[in-house]
C-alpha atoms as a PDB file:
ATOM      1  CA  UNK A   1      98.646  87.365  77.092  1.00  0.00           C
ATOM      2  CA  UNK A   2      96.954  90.180  75.156  1.00  0.00           C
ATOM      3  CA  UNK A   3      93.222  90.294  74.550  1.00  0.00           C
ATOM      4  CA  UNK A   4      91.047  92.953  72.986  1.00  0.00           C
ATOM      5  CA  UNK A   5      90.749  95.135  76.063  1.00  0.00           C
ATOM      6  CA  UNK A   6      93.474  94.126  78.537  1.00  0.00           C
ATOM      7  CA  UNK A   7      97.032  92.801  78.539  1.00  0.00           C
ATOM      8  CA  UNK A   8      98.674  90.437  81.001  1.00  0.00           C
ATOM      9  CA  UNK A   9     102.407  89.914  81.477  1.00  0.00           C
ATOM     10  CA  UNK A  10     104.083  87.581  83.971  1.00  0.00           C
ATOM     11  CA  UNK A  11     107.696  87.728  85.136  1.00  0.00           C
ATOM     12  CA  UNK A  12     109.576  86.745  88.271  1.00  0.00           C
ATOM     13  CA  UNK A  13     106.500  85.799  90.284  1.00  0.00           C
ATOM     14  CA  UNK A  14     104.689  89.075  89.494  1.00  0.00           C
ATOM     15  CA  UNK A  15     101.896  89.594  86.974  1.00  0.00           C
ATOM     16  CA  UNK A  16     101.047  92.993  85.494  1.00  0.00           C
ATOM     17  CA  UNK A  17      97.412  93.288  84.412  1.00  0.00           C
ATOM     18  CA  UNK A  18      96.848  96.380  82.245  1.00  0.00           C
ATOM     19  CA  UNK A  19      93.571  97.937  81.146  1.00  0.00           C
ATOM     20  CA  UNK A  20      94.423  98.487  77.493  1.00  0.00           C
ATOM     21  CA  UNK A  21      92.081 100.930  75.757  1.00  0.00           C
ATOM     22  CA  UNK A  22      94.322 104.006  75.918  1.00  0.00           C
ATOM     23  CA  UNK A  23      92.520 105.881  73.132  1.00  0.00           C
ATOM     24  CA  UNK A  24      89.291 105.579  75.156  1.00  0.00           C
ATOM     25  CA  UNK A  25      91.040 106.336  78.479  1.00  0.00           C
ATOM     26  CA  UNK A  26      90.553 102.639  79.327  1.00  0.00           C
ATOM     27  CA  UNK A  27      86.802 103.132  79.622  1.00  0.00           C
ATOM     28  CA  UNK A  28      85.078 100.110  81.141  1.00  0.00           C
ATOM     29  CA  UNK A  29      82.749  97.778  79.267  1.00  0.00           C
ATOM     30  CA  UNK A  30      81.048  94.531  80.193  1.00  0.00           C
ATOM     31  CA  UNK A  31      83.388  92.807  77.741  1.00  0.00           C
ATOM     32  CA  UNK A  32      86.348  94.240  79.678  1.00  0.00           C
ATOM     33  CA  UNK A  33      84.839  92.801  82.868  1.00  0.00           C
ATOM     34  CA  UNK A  34      84.656  89.391  81.240  1.00  0.00           C
ATOM     35  CA  UNK A  35      88.312  89.586  80.211  1.00  0.00           C
ATOM     36  CA  UNK A  36      89.388  90.750  83.679  1.00  0.00           C
ATOM     37  CA  UNK A  37      87.486  87.922  85.383  1.00  0.00           C
ATOM     38  CA  UNK A  38      89.064  85.398  83.016  1.00  0.00           C
ATOM     39  CA  UNK A  39      92.505  86.869  83.718  1.00  0.00           C
ATOM     40  CA  UNK A  40      92.041  86.594  87.495  1.00  0.00           C
ATOM     41  CA  UNK A  41      90.893  83.007  87.029  1.00  0.00           C
ATOM     42  CA  UNK A  42      94.133  82.352  85.135  1.00  0.00           C
ATOM     43  CA  UNK A  43      96.243  84.055  87.793  1.00  0.00           C
ATOM     44  CA  UNK A  44      94.615  82.098  90.612  1.00  0.00           C
ATOM     45  CA  UNK A  45      95.515  78.854  88.828  1.00  0.00           C
ATOM     46  CA  UNK A  46      99.120  79.871  88.103  1.00  0.00           C
ATOM     47  CA  UNK A  47     101.437  78.640  90.875  1.00  0.00           C
ATOM     48  CA  UNK A  48     104.257  80.840  89.560  1.00  0.00           C
ATOM     49  CA  UNK A  49     102.339  84.090  90.148  1.00  0.00           C
ATOM     50  CA  UNK A  50     102.615  85.388  93.693  1.00  0.00           C
ATOM     51  CA  UNK A  51     101.426  89.008  93.349  1.00  0.00           C
ATOM     52  CA  UNK A  52      99.482  91.042  90.777  1.00  0.00           C
ATOM     53  CA  UNK A  53      99.829  94.707  89.779  1.00  0.00           C
ATOM     54  CA  UNK A  54      96.827  96.306  88.034  1.00  0.00           C
ATOM     55  CA  UNK A  55      97.348  99.504  86.031  1.00  0.00           C
ATOM     56  CA  UNK A  56      96.138 101.375  82.954  1.00  0.00           C
ATOM     57  CA  UNK A  57      97.704 101.995  79.562  1.00  0.00           C
ATOM     58  CA  UNK A  58      98.334 105.583  78.537  1.00  0.00           C
ATOM     59  CA  UNK A  59      97.356 108.613  80.587  1.00  0.00           C
ATOM     60  CA  UNK A  60      94.335 107.211  82.465  1.00  0.00           C
ATOM     61  CA  UNK A  61      93.691 104.305  84.771  1.00  0.00           C
ATOM     62  CA  UNK A  62      90.014 104.016  83.840  1.00  0.00           C
ATOM     63  CA  UNK A  63      87.720 106.921  82.993  1.00  0.00           C
ATOM     64  CA  UNK A  64      84.619 105.013  84.063  1.00  0.00           C
ATOM     65  CA  UNK A  65      81.872 103.228  82.168  1.00  0.00           C
ATOM     66  CA  UNK A  66      81.918 103.474  78.384  1.00  0.00           C
ATOM     67  CA  UNK A  67      78.437 104.905  77.905  1.00  0.00           C
ATOM     68  CA  UNK A  68      78.376 103.685  74.307  1.00  0.00           C
ATOM     69  CA  UNK A  69      78.332 100.089  75.610  1.00  0.00           C
ATOM     70  CA  UNK A  70      74.779  98.787  75.034  1.00  0.00           C
ATOM     71  CA  UNK A  71      75.106  96.743  78.243  1.00  0.00           C
ATOM     72  CA  UNK A  72      76.159  99.732  80.339  1.00  0.00           C
ATOM     73  CA  UNK A  73      73.036  99.730  82.512  1.00  0.00           C
ATOM     74  CA  UNK A  74      71.090  96.603  81.504  1.00  0.00           C
ATOM     75  CA  UNK A  75      72.078  93.489  79.627  1.00  0.00           C
ATOM     76  CA  UNK A  76      70.253  91.920  76.758  1.00  0.00           C
ATOM     77  CA  UNK A  77      68.622  88.533  77.270  1.00  0.00           C
ATOM     78  CA  UNK A  78      65.671  86.823  78.872  1.00  0.00           C
ATOM     79  CA  UNK A  79      67.092  86.294  82.375  1.00  0.00           C
ATOM     80  CA  UNK A  80      65.744  89.216  84.403  1.00  0.00           C
ATOM     81  CA  UNK A  81      68.006  88.578  87.418  1.00  0.00           C
ATOM     82  CA  UNK A  82      71.094  88.557  85.170  1.00  0.00           C
ATOM     83  CA  UNK A  83      69.986  91.753  83.437  1.00  0.00           C
ATOM     84  CA  UNK A  84      69.628  93.488  86.789  1.00  0.00           C
ATOM     85  CA  UNK A  85      73.024  92.427  88.139  1.00  0.00           C
ATOM     86  CA  UNK A  86      75.683  95.154  88.192  1.00  0.00           C
ATOM     87  CA  UNK A  87      78.681  94.001  86.150  1.00  0.00           C
ATOM     88  CA  UNK A  88      81.035  96.148  88.227  1.00  0.00           C
ATOM     89  CA  UNK A  89      79.873  94.244  91.279  1.00  0.00           C
ATOM     90  CA  UNK A  90      80.623  90.950  89.563  1.00  0.00           C
ATOM     91  CA  UNK A  91      84.169  92.184  88.924  1.00  0.00           C
ATOM     92  CA  UNK A  92      84.571  93.496  92.479  1.00  0.00           C
ATOM     93  CA  UNK A  93      83.474  90.166  93.947  1.00  0.00           C
ATOM     94  CA  UNK A  94      85.966  88.343  91.738  1.00  0.00           C
ATOM     95  CA  UNK A  95      88.774  90.642  92.868  1.00  0.00           C
ATOM     96  CA  UNK A  96      87.613  90.164  96.467  1.00  0.00           C
ATOM     97  CA  UNK A  97      87.873  86.386  96.102  1.00  0.00           C
ATOM     98  CA  UNK A  98      91.318  86.424  94.470  1.00  0.00           C
ATOM     99  CA  UNK A  99      93.832  84.094  96.094  1.00  0.00           C
ATOM    100  CA  UNK A 100      96.699  86.363  94.997  1.00  0.00           C
ATOM    101  CA  UNK A 101      97.357  89.863  96.407  1.00  0.00           C
ATOM    102  CA  UNK A 102      96.267  92.715  94.129  1.00  0.00           C
ATOM    103  CA  UNK A 103      98.111  96.047  93.977  1.00  0.00           C
ATOM    104  CA  UNK A 104      96.550  98.930  92.042  1.00  0.00           C
ATOM    105  CA  UNK A 105      98.929 101.354  90.334  1.00  0.00           C
ATOM    106  CA  UNK A 106      96.538 104.214  89.540  1.00  0.00           C
ATOM    107  CA  UNK A 107      98.393 106.113  86.834  1.00  0.00           C
ATOM    108  CA  UNK A 108      95.732 108.682  85.942  1.00  0.00           C
ATOM    109  CA  UNK A 109      92.023 109.350  86.096  1.00  0.00           C
ATOM    110  CA  UNK A 110      90.050 106.753  88.043  1.00  0.00           C
ATOM    111  CA  UNK A 111      86.407 107.746  87.896  1.00  0.00           C
ATOM    112  CA  UNK A 112      83.186 105.850  88.559  1.00  0.00           C
ATOM    113  CA  UNK A 113      83.801 102.143  88.080  1.00  0.00           C
ATOM    114  CA  UNK A 114      87.419 103.120  87.415  1.00  0.00           C
ATOM    115  CA  UNK A 115      87.864 103.807  91.113  1.00  0.00           C
ATOM    116  CA  UNK A 116      85.317 101.379  92.569  1.00  0.00           C
ATOM    117  CA  UNK A 117      87.012  98.424  90.855  1.00  0.00           C
ATOM    118  CA  UNK A 118      90.146  99.172  92.899  1.00  0.00           C
ATOM    119  CA  UNK A 119      88.406  99.028  96.282  1.00  0.00           C
ATOM    120  CA  UNK A 120      88.644  95.201  96.674  1.00  0.00           C
ATOM    121  CA  UNK A 121      92.344  95.362  95.815  1.00  0.00           C
ATOM    122  CA  UNK A 122      94.704  95.117  98.762  1.00  0.00           C
ATOM    123  CA  UNK A 123      96.926  98.152  98.248  1.00  0.00           C
ATOM    124  CA  UNK A 124      96.450 101.197  96.032  1.00  0.00           C
ATOM    125  CA  UNK A 125      99.333 103.391  94.872  1.00  0.00           C
ATOM    126  CA  UNK A 126      98.664 106.558  92.870  1.00  0.00           C
ATOM    127  CA  UNK A 127     100.490 108.867  90.523  1.00  0.00           C
ATOM    128  CA  UNK A 128     100.630 112.550  91.379  1.00  0.00           C
ATOM    129  CA  UNK A 129      98.543 112.991  88.211  1.00  0.00           C
ATOM    130  CA  UNK A 130      95.788 110.655  89.366  1.00  0.00           C
ATOM    131  CA  UNK A 131      92.281 111.969  89.947  1.00  0.00           C
ATOM    132  CA  UNK A 132      89.421 110.129  91.612  1.00  0.00           C
ATOM    133  CA  UNK A 133      85.686 110.587  91.497  1.00  0.00           C
ATOM    134  CA  UNK A 134      82.628 108.709  92.728  1.00  0.00           C
ATOM    135  CA  UNK A 135      80.571 110.680  90.205  1.00  0.00           C
ATOM    136  CA  UNK A 136      77.464 108.496  90.090  1.00  0.00           C
ATOM    137  CA  UNK A 137      74.951 110.982  91.536  1.00  0.00           C
ATOM    138  CA  UNK A 138      76.059 113.567  88.979  1.00  0.00           C
ATOM    139  CA  UNK A 139      75.065 111.100  86.234  1.00  0.00           C
ATOM    140  CA  UNK A 140      71.734 110.212  87.814  1.00  0.00           C
ATOM    141  CA  UNK A 141      72.865 106.730  88.863  1.00  0.00           C
ATOM    142  CA  UNK A 142      74.155 105.214  92.104  1.00  0.00           C
ATOM    143  CA  UNK A 143      77.355 103.701  93.445  1.00  0.00           C
ATOM    144  CA  UNK A 144      78.144 100.183  92.237  1.00  0.00           C
ATOM    145  CA  UNK A 145      80.824  97.458  92.386  1.00  0.00           C
ATOM    146  CA  UNK A 146      79.707  96.765  95.981  1.00  0.00           C
ATOM    147  CA  UNK A 147      81.381 100.097  96.809  1.00  0.00           C
ATOM    148  CA  UNK A 148      78.745 100.883  99.439  1.00  0.00           C
ATOM    149  CA  UNK A 149      80.327  97.973 101.357  1.00  0.00           C
ATOM    150  CA  UNK A 150      83.999  98.593 100.542  1.00  0.00           C
ATOM    151  CA  UNK A 151      84.341 102.383 100.611  1.00  0.00           C
ATOM    152  CA  UNK A 152      83.146 103.134 104.187  1.00  0.00           C
ATOM    153  CA  UNK A 153      85.412 100.363 105.468  1.00  0.00           C
ATOM    154  CA  UNK A 154      88.391 102.007 103.793  1.00  0.00           C
ATOM    155  CA  UNK A 155      87.790 105.701 104.523  1.00  0.00           C
ATOM    156  CA  UNK A 156      84.912 105.914 107.046  1.00  0.00           C
ATOM    157  CA  UNK A 157      81.256 106.708 106.548  1.00  0.00           C
ATOM    158  CA  UNK A 158      81.512 110.519 106.576  1.00  0.00           C
ATOM    159  CA  UNK A 159      84.213 110.710 103.920  1.00  0.00           C
ATOM    160  CA  UNK A 160      82.430 108.084 101.825  1.00  0.00           C
ATOM    161  CA  UNK A 161      79.201 110.066 102.111  1.00  0.00           C
ATOM    162  CA  UNK A 162      80.796 113.364 101.114  1.00  0.00           C
ATOM    163  CA  UNK A 163      82.490 111.875  98.063  1.00  0.00           C
ATOM    164  CA  UNK A 164      79.458 109.917  96.834  1.00  0.00           C
ATOM    165  CA  UNK A 165      76.750 112.476  97.620  1.00  0.00           C
ATOM    166  CA  UNK A 166      78.559 115.351  95.888  1.00  0.00           C
ATOM    167  CA  UNK A 167      80.185 113.273  93.149  1.00  0.00           C
ATOM    168  CA  UNK A 168      83.106 115.713  93.024  1.00  0.00           C
ATOM    169  CA  UNK A 169      86.479 114.782  91.542  1.00  0.00           C
ATOM    170  CA  UNK A 170      89.513 115.008  93.844  1.00  0.00           C
ATOM    171  CA  UNK A 171      93.258 114.633  93.562  1.00  0.00           C
ATOM    172  CA  UNK A 172      95.684 111.996  94.776  1.00  0.00           C
ATOM    173  CA  UNK A 173      96.766 114.007  97.809  1.00  0.00           C
ATOM    174  CA  UNK A 174      93.226 113.963  99.196  1.00  0.00           C
ATOM    175  CA  UNK A 175      92.937 110.246  98.457  1.00  0.00           C
ATOM    176  CA  UNK A 176      96.159 109.693 100.401  1.00  0.00           C
ATOM    177  CA  UNK A 177      95.042 111.770 103.385  1.00  0.00           C
ATOM    178  CA  UNK A 178      91.757 109.829 103.557  1.00  0.00           C
ATOM    179  CA  UNK A 179      93.425 106.421 103.330  1.00  0.00           C
ATOM    180  CA  UNK A 180      92.007 105.544  99.928  1.00  0.00           C
ATOM    181  CA  UNK A 181      95.550 105.129  98.606  1.00  0.00           C
ATOM    182  CA  UNK A 182      98.663 103.946 100.430  1.00  0.00           C
ATOM    183  CA  UNK A 183     101.208 106.238  98.731  1.00  0.00           C
ATOM    184  CA  UNK A 184     101.537 108.846  95.983  1.00  0.00           C
ATOM    185  CA  UNK A 185     104.442 108.753  93.524  1.00  0.00           C
ATOM    186  CA  UNK A 186     105.831 110.795  90.663  1.00  0.00           C
ATOM    187  CA  UNK A 187     104.401 109.451  87.396  1.00  0.00           C
ATOM    188  CA  UNK A 188     107.623 107.747  86.303  1.00  0.00           C
ATOM    189  CA  UNK A 189     108.073 106.186  89.747  1.00  0.00           C
ATOM    190  CA  UNK A 190     104.592 104.720  90.127  1.00  0.00           C
ATOM    191  CA  UNK A 191     104.914 101.395  88.309  1.00  0.00           C
ATOM    192  CA  UNK A 192     108.434 100.719  89.663  1.00  0.00           C
ATOM    193  CA  UNK A 193     107.096 101.328  93.197  1.00  0.00           C
ATOM    194  CA  UNK A 194     104.192  98.953  92.617  1.00  0.00           C
ATOM    195  CA  UNK A 195     106.531  96.338  91.147  1.00  0.00           C
ATOM    196  CA  UNK A 196     108.943  96.703  94.071  1.00  0.00           C
ATOM    197  CA  UNK A 197     106.101  96.117  96.520  1.00  0.00           C
ATOM    198  CA  UNK A 198     104.884  93.115  94.523  1.00  0.00           C
ATOM    199  CA  UNK A 199     108.391  91.638  94.408  1.00  0.00           C
ATOM    200  CA  UNK A 200     108.766  92.005  98.179  1.00  0.00           C
ATOM    201  CA  UNK A 201     105.735  89.747  98.474  1.00  0.00           C
ATOM    202  CA  UNK A 202     106.828  87.392  95.686  1.00  0.00           C
ATOM    203  CA  UNK A 203     110.436  87.024  96.814  1.00  0.00           C
ATOM    204  CA  UNK A 204     110.229  86.799 100.589  1.00  0.00           C
ATOM    205  CA  UNK A 205     106.812  85.558 101.699  1.00  0.00           C
ATOM    206  CA  UNK A 206     105.238  82.098 101.598  1.00  0.00           C
ATOM    207  CA  UNK A 207     102.512  82.167  98.912  1.00  0.00           C
ATOM    208  CA  UNK A 208     100.007  80.130 100.949  1.00  0.00           C
ATOM    209  CA  UNK A 209     100.528  82.336 103.998  1.00  0.00           C
ATOM    210  CA  UNK A 210     100.090  85.471 101.885  1.00  0.00           C
ATOM    211  CA  UNK A 211      96.856  84.139 100.433  1.00  0.00           C
ATOM    212  CA  UNK A 212      95.520  83.147 103.851  1.00  0.00           C
ATOM    213  CA  UNK A 213      96.431  86.528 105.351  1.00  0.00           C
ATOM    214  CA  UNK A 214      94.611  88.265 102.492  1.00  0.00           C
ATOM    215  CA  UNK A 215      91.500  86.151 103.099  1.00  0.00           C
ATOM    216  CA  UNK A 216      91.675  86.577 106.877  1.00  0.00           C
ATOM    217  CA  UNK A 217      91.753  90.364 106.530  1.00  0.00           C
ATOM    218  CA  UNK A 218      88.881  90.631 104.053  1.00  0.00           C
ATOM    219  CA  UNK A 219      86.705  87.880 105.511  1.00  0.00           C
ATOM    220  CA  UNK A 220      87.247  89.332 108.969  1.00  0.00           C
ATOM    221  CA  UNK A 221      85.341  92.420 107.832  1.00  0.00           C
ATOM    222  CA  UNK A 222      82.258  90.245 107.348  1.00  0.00           C
ATOM    223  CA  UNK A 223      82.358  88.603 110.789  1.00  0.00           C
ATOM    224  CA  UNK A 224      79.955  89.821 113.511  1.00  0.00           C
ATOM    225  CA  UNK A 225      82.358  88.978 116.368  1.00  0.00           C
ATOM    226  CA  UNK A 226      86.154  88.625 116.753  1.00  0.00           C
ATOM    227  CA  UNK A 227      85.564  85.055 117.898  1.00  0.00           C
ATOM    228  CA  UNK A 228      85.041  84.100 114.250  1.00  0.00           C
ATOM    229  CA  UNK A 229      88.394  85.587 113.293  1.00  0.00           C
ATOM    230  CA  UNK A 230      89.946  83.685 116.185  1.00  0.00           C
ATOM    231  CA  UNK A 231      88.460  80.425 114.885  1.00  0.00           C
ATOM    232  CA  UNK A 232      89.651  81.033 111.320  1.00  0.00           C
ATOM    233  CA  UNK A 233      93.126  82.104 112.469  1.00  0.00           C
ATOM    234  CA  UNK A 234      93.404  79.083 114.775  1.00  0.00           C
ATOM    235  CA  UNK A 235      92.533  76.740 111.917  1.00  0.00           C
ATOM    236  CA  UNK A 236      95.067  78.476 109.692  1.00  0.00           C
ATOM    237  CA  UNK A 237      97.770  78.318 112.377  1.00  0.00           C
ATOM    238  CA  UNK A 238      97.141  74.599 112.863  1.00  0.00           C
ATOM    239  CA  UNK A 239      97.299  73.903 109.110  1.00  0.00           C
ATOM    240  CA  UNK A 240     100.386  76.025 108.558  1.00  0.00           C
ATOM    241  CA  UNK A 241     102.115  74.810 111.707  1.00  0.00           C
ATOM    242  CA  UNK A 242     102.284  71.303 110.274  1.00  0.00           C
ATOM    243  CA  UNK A 243     103.425  72.455 106.831  1.00  0.00           C
ATOM    244  CA  UNK A 244     106.776  72.109 105.106  1.00  0.00           C
ATOM    245  CA  UNK A 245     106.743  75.897 104.598  1.00  0.00           C
ATOM    246  CA  UNK A 246     106.995  76.463 108.356  1.00  0.00           C
ATOM    247  CA  UNK A 247     109.915  74.050 108.651  1.00  0.00           C
ATOM    248  CA  UNK A 248     111.640  75.891 105.810  1.00  0.00           C
ATOM    249  CA  UNK A 249     110.820  79.318 107.274  1.00  0.00           C
ATOM    250  CA  UNK A 250     112.335  78.409 110.643  1.00  0.00           C
ATOM    251  CA  UNK A 251     115.388  76.745 109.082  1.00  0.00           C
ATOM    252  CA  UNK A 252     116.064  79.707 106.773  1.00  0.00           C
ATOM    253  CA  UNK A 253     115.831  82.105 109.718  1.00  0.00           C
ATOM    254  CA  UNK A 254     118.250  80.068 111.847  1.00  0.00           C
ATOM    255  CA  UNK A 255     120.623  79.591 108.918  1.00  0.00           C
ATOM    256  CA  UNK A 256     120.360  83.261 107.896  1.00  0.00           C
ATOM    257  CA  UNK A 257     119.480  82.550 104.275  1.00  0.00           C
ATOM    258  CA  UNK A 258     116.505  83.327 102.015  1.00  0.00           C
ATOM    259  CA  UNK A 259     113.614  80.901 102.425  1.00  0.00           C
ATOM    260  CA  UNK A 260     112.678  78.566  99.579  1.00  0.00           C
ATOM    261  CA  UNK A 261     108.966  77.980 100.060  1.00  0.00           C
ATOM    262  CA  UNK A 262     107.584  75.137  97.955  1.00  0.00           C
ATOM    263  CA  UNK A 263     103.887  75.051  98.815  1.00  0.00           C
ATOM    264  CA  UNK A 264     101.664  76.749  96.274  1.00  0.00           C
ATOM    265  CA  UNK A 265      98.306  78.360  95.674  1.00  0.00           C
ATOM    266  CA  UNK A 266      95.866  76.840  94.936  1.00  0.00           C
ATOM    267  CA  UNK A 267      97.281  73.338  95.473  1.00  0.00           C
ATOM    268  CA  UNK A 268      98.064  73.737  99.182  1.00  0.00           C
ATOM    269  CA  UNK A 269      95.591  76.422 100.258  1.00  0.00           C
ATOM    270  CA  UNK A 270      93.404  75.145 103.130  1.00  0.00           C
ATOM    271  CA  UNK A 271      89.791  76.148 103.709  1.00  0.00           C
ATOM    272  CA  UNK A 272      89.657  77.735 107.156  1.00  0.00           C
ATOM    273  CA  UNK A 273      86.288  79.473 106.811  1.00  0.00           C
ATOM    274  CA  UNK A 274      83.813  76.581 106.599  1.00  0.00           C
ATOM    275  CA  UNK A 275      80.827  77.080 108.859  1.00  0.00           C
ATOM    276  CA  UNK A 276      81.669  80.697 109.700  1.00  0.00           C
ATOM    277  CA  UNK A 277      79.328  83.598 108.881  1.00  0.00           C
ATOM    278  CA  UNK A 278      79.966  85.994 106.036  1.00  0.00           C
ATOM    279  CA  UNK A 279      80.617  85.871 102.322  1.00  0.00           C
ATOM    280  CA  UNK A 280      82.132  82.743 100.775  1.00  0.00           C
ATOM    281  CA  UNK A 281      85.917  82.611 100.470  1.00  0.00           C
ATOM    282  CA  UNK A 282      85.632  81.390  96.876  1.00  0.00           C
ATOM    283  CA  UNK A 283      83.661  83.215  94.182  1.00  0.00           C
ATOM    284  CA  UNK A 284      80.161  82.016  93.349  1.00  0.00           C
ATOM    285  CA  UNK A 285      79.823  80.813  89.786  1.00  0.00           C
ATOM    286  CA  UNK A 286      77.592  83.726  88.798  1.00  0.00           C
ATOM    287  CA  UNK A 287      80.563  86.108  89.038  1.00  0.00           C
ATOM    288  CA  UNK A 288      81.590  84.619  85.690  1.00  0.00           C
ATOM    289  CA  UNK A 289      78.245  85.130  83.921  1.00  0.00           C
END
């Protein structure tokens, strides 16, 4: 699948989603957001996809908002609430609600929305050439993509404050030390490392269990008390305990062979969050506006 601004390839249970405006350093537009949301919708529906790698074409991951986009700061139209909604936040919420794990392979500059769009992804790997910057205050704007929620949870409030209040650009080694990225790789090793991680998930883990674990981790950050995590986990354990995947997982372990899990996402994914506080497990329709 190739569209105007992104490309999507699927192979062996892994999808590679590439921001594909290399001549513009993959600068972000509202149209790119629409294509990314549509791609994640497609991936959520595809039972054969078990993990997703997100990267950029060329020498950048995403150099931030394309300031020539007429919708960069306000959209045209008569709906005032829609005009005021941050498109980066719409994308972040869609990534947050993904039922498939998302791995960012940050191959170069990731600035502004180029870095904030990665925060709802599950694991971030970076090239030694990558640079990061929450540069909003230096442009007279503010942080977006719900990054005021995600960033302090990833790196702590003091580090988040220093990065966003100064707006300075920093290298991959600092991102690694702060916990923003999981690992740093030589440029030629980055995508193979991300693909290897994705294939570990795709080849060995039950897709429904992976999806539930992803939701339990992220939704748990919204809960006011660990009791709510206990309730959600108990529901998930009950649902999975009666599943054919568990029977296969136990049998494959005892027989010392690879498991052949047959349950799929979304067909067999249970809702274990009903009635609990926090954000919805599935994306509200307005994330697709």
